[in-house]
Protein backbone atom coordinates (compact mmCIF):
# COMPACT_ATOMS: atom_id res chain seq x y z
CA MET A 1 -131.80 -51.31 9.67
CA ASP A 2 -129.84 -52.86 6.84
CA ARG A 3 -126.32 -53.50 8.13
CA ASP A 4 -123.36 -54.60 6.11
CA HIS A 5 -122.07 -57.94 7.28
CA ASP A 6 -119.35 -58.00 4.65
CA ASP A 7 -116.62 -57.07 7.13
CA LYS A 8 -115.77 -60.63 8.03
CA PRO A 9 -115.04 -61.89 4.46
CA ALA A 10 -113.01 -58.75 3.76
CA ARG A 11 -110.92 -59.36 6.86
CA ARG A 12 -110.41 -62.98 5.92
CA LYS A 13 -109.33 -61.94 2.42
CA THR A 14 -106.79 -59.42 3.71
CA ALA A 15 -105.47 -61.97 6.21
CA ARG A 16 -104.90 -64.42 3.37
CA TRP A 17 -103.02 -61.79 1.39
CA ARG A 18 -100.81 -61.03 4.37
CA ILE A 19 -99.93 -64.70 4.70
CA VAL A 20 -99.27 -64.98 0.96
CA ILE A 21 -97.06 -61.88 0.97
CA ARG A 22 -95.15 -63.11 4.02
CA TRP A 23 -94.26 -66.28 2.11
CA MET A 24 -93.74 -64.65 -1.28
CA ILE A 25 -91.15 -62.10 -0.20
CA PRO A 26 -88.62 -64.62 1.21
CA LEU A 27 -89.30 -66.92 -1.73
CA PHE A 28 -88.54 -64.13 -4.21
CA LEU A 29 -85.41 -63.19 -2.27
CA VAL A 30 -84.11 -66.77 -2.41
CA LEU A 31 -84.92 -67.01 -6.12
CA ALA A 32 -83.16 -63.69 -6.75
CA LEU A 33 -80.10 -64.93 -4.84
CA ILE A 34 -79.94 -68.16 -6.84
CA GLY A 35 -80.58 -66.34 -10.10
CA GLY A 36 -77.92 -63.75 -9.32
CA MET A 37 -75.35 -66.38 -8.44
CA ALA A 38 -76.09 -68.32 -11.62
CA PHE A 39 -76.00 -65.16 -13.75
CA GLY A 40 -72.73 -64.04 -12.23
CA TYR A 41 -71.11 -67.44 -12.55
CA VAL A 42 -72.24 -68.12 -16.12
CA PHE A 43 -72.19 -64.72 -17.82
CA ILE A 44 -69.61 -62.80 -15.83
CA GLY A 45 -67.39 -65.75 -14.88
CA LYS A 46 -67.71 -67.44 -18.29
CA GLN A 47 -68.28 -70.88 -16.76
CA SER A 48 -70.77 -73.58 -17.69
CA LEU A 49 -74.29 -73.66 -16.27
CA SER A 50 -73.91 -77.26 -15.07
CA ASP A 51 -71.13 -76.19 -12.67
CA VAL A 52 -73.48 -73.75 -10.92
CA PHE A 53 -75.41 -76.56 -9.26
CA GLU A 54 -72.40 -78.43 -7.87
CA TRP A 55 -71.55 -77.99 -4.21
CA LYS A 56 -67.78 -78.08 -4.79
CA THR A 57 -68.05 -74.93 -6.91
CA TRP A 58 -69.66 -72.92 -4.13
CA GLN A 59 -67.38 -74.45 -1.50
CA HIS A 60 -64.46 -73.11 -3.53
CA VAL A 61 -66.09 -69.66 -3.73
CA ILE A 62 -66.72 -69.66 0.03
CA ASP A 63 -63.10 -70.68 0.64
CA LEU A 64 -61.90 -67.82 -1.54
CA VAL A 65 -64.11 -65.24 0.16
CA PHE A 66 -63.38 -66.25 3.74
CA ALA A 67 -59.72 -67.20 3.32
CA PRO A 68 -57.43 -65.69 5.98
């Protein structure tokens, strides 16, 4: 007659992990994008790190990529 009533906490725990994973994946993708852009600009492009965080730098890159 002893029944396990541990199903509910286990479900709650897995639901929390699903929520955490749903937020972690996009966060890691954004961090990888920013890290990749900084790495490419600084190490491959031989520019200074302070220029990476300026909007005019990326506006120039966007203009070069999408120029007609």
